[in-house]
Each structure stands twice: as structure tokens, then as C-alpha cells.
Amino acid sequence: MPITPNEYAVFLFLEGGHREEVRFSTIQEFQKWYSGELVPKSTSNDFMSVPIKNIQGEYMMVRPSKIAGIRVEPVFNSSMER
């Protein structure tokens, strides 16, 4: 039986060496944000909002043209803590 991730950690690698992590509940949610928000504005120097759903009242703004890379990692929560 295949296991499914509980959420997805998305790492945004920014120019200058900074790395930011945001979480999405499903891969479809990430794909919708990526293709609907990020790709159309990929060359823009204007700030855009990055969804942070797990932290109430916190926002992240980023210039899309300054994102050098993205890594998407599935997160599996287990009942056993190590």
C-alpha cells in the first residue's frame, strides 16, 4: 500500500544565497500557485505574496525574478518520533 505525504515542503532558493521554506497541503495546491501566480510573473521585480498557511498572521513577499530555484519535498509524518 503506497503511503501519501501529509504535506509538501517547498524551498525557494533566492539570489544571494537565501533559502525560504513554505508548506503546501497538497501537490496540486503548489502546482496551482506555481502555474497561476509564479510563472506568469517570473520576470517581474514587483513583490508578490507567497502563501504561508501554517503560520497565522505571517506573510512573505518575494520578487519572482529573484527566485533562482525551487525544491519540492514530500513530508511524511509518522507516529514514531526519533
Protein backbone atom coordinates (compact mmCIF):
# COMPACT_ATOMS: atom_id res chain seq x y z
CA MET A 1 0.00 0.00 0.00
CA PRO A 2 1.59 3.32 -1.04
CA ILE A 3 1.97 6.00 1.59
CA THR A 4 0.92 9.55 0.85
CA PRO A 5 2.65 12.68 2.11
CA ASN A 6 0.97 14.74 4.82
CA GLU A 7 2.19 17.95 3.18
CA TYR A 8 4.86 19.31 0.85
CA ALA A 9 7.80 21.49 1.87
CA VAL A 10 8.70 23.93 -0.89
CA PHE A 11 12.14 25.52 -0.67
CA LEU A 12 12.63 28.77 -2.57
CA PHE A 13 16.29 29.44 -3.35
CA LEU A 14 16.77 33.17 -3.79
CA GLU A 15 19.56 35.16 -5.39
CA GLY A 16 22.17 35.99 -2.79
CA GLY A 17 22.03 32.54 -1.19
CA HIS A 18 18.91 32.88 0.95
CA ARG A 19 16.54 29.95 1.28
CA GLU A 20 12.93 30.13 2.41
CA GLU A 21 10.59 27.25 3.17
CA VAL A 22 6.82 27.27 2.75
CA ARG A 23 4.41 24.36 3.10
CA PHE A 24 1.51 23.27 0.93
CA SER A 25 -1.15 20.72 1.91
CA THR A 26 -1.18 19.02 -1.49
CA ILE A 27 0.99 18.94 -4.60
CA GLN A 28 -1.99 20.26 -6.58
CA GLU A 29 -2.15 23.31 -4.31
CA PHE A 30 1.54 24.01 -5.01
CA GLN A 31 1.10 23.45 -8.75
CA LYS A 32 -1.86 25.85 -8.83
CA TRP A 33 0.17 28.58 -7.07
CA TYR A 34 3.24 27.89 -9.22
CA SER A 35 1.49 27.91 -12.60
CA GLY A 36 -1.13 30.53 -11.77
CA GLU A 37 0.90 33.05 -9.76
CA LEU A 38 4.64 32.50 -10.08
CA VAL A 39 5.15 31.55 -13.74
CA PRO A 40 3.18 34.47 -15.23
CA LYS A 41 5.20 36.93 -13.10
CA SER A 42 8.57 35.14 -13.33
CA THR A 43 10.44 38.13 -14.79
CA SER A 44 8.79 40.74 -12.57
CA ASN A 45 10.68 42.78 -9.98
CA ASP A 46 7.41 43.65 -8.21
CA PHE A 47 6.73 41.89 -4.92
CA MET A 48 4.24 39.03 -4.93
CA SER A 49 2.72 37.19 -1.99
CA VAL A 50 3.81 33.66 -1.14
CA PRO A 51 1.16 31.67 0.75
CA ILE A 52 2.11 30.71 4.30
CA LYS A 53 -0.81 28.68 5.56
CA ASN A 54 0.66 27.12 8.69
CA ILE A 55 1.61 30.39 10.42
CA GLN A 56 -1.30 32.63 11.33
CA GLY A 57 -0.84 36.32 10.57
CA GLU A 58 2.56 35.96 8.85
CA TYR A 59 3.16 36.90 5.22
CA MET A 60 6.06 36.52 2.86
CA MET A 61 6.64 38.72 -0.13
CA VAL A 62 9.20 37.88 -2.81
CA ARG A 63 10.33 39.27 -6.14
CA PRO A 64 9.65 36.46 -8.64
CA SER A 65 12.67 37.39 -10.78
CA LYS A 66 14.96 36.74 -7.79
CA ILE A 67 13.95 33.09 -7.34
CA ALA A 68 16.90 31.05 -8.60
CA GLY A 69 15.48 27.60 -7.87
CA ILE A 70 12.69 25.63 -6.21
CA ARG A 71 12.82 22.25 -4.48
CA VAL A 72 9.62 20.37 -3.57
CA GLU A 73 9.93 17.72 -0.88
CA PRO A 74 7.14 15.46 0.37
CA VAL A 75 6.78 15.40 4.16
CA PHE A 76 5.63 12.20 5.85
CA ASN A 77 4.54 12.49 9.47
CA SER A 78 4.99 9.29 11.40
CA SER A 79 3.60 8.17 14.69
CA MET A 80 7.13 7.45 15.90
CA GLU A 81 9.39 10.36 16.81
CA ARG A 82 13.12 9.75 16.64
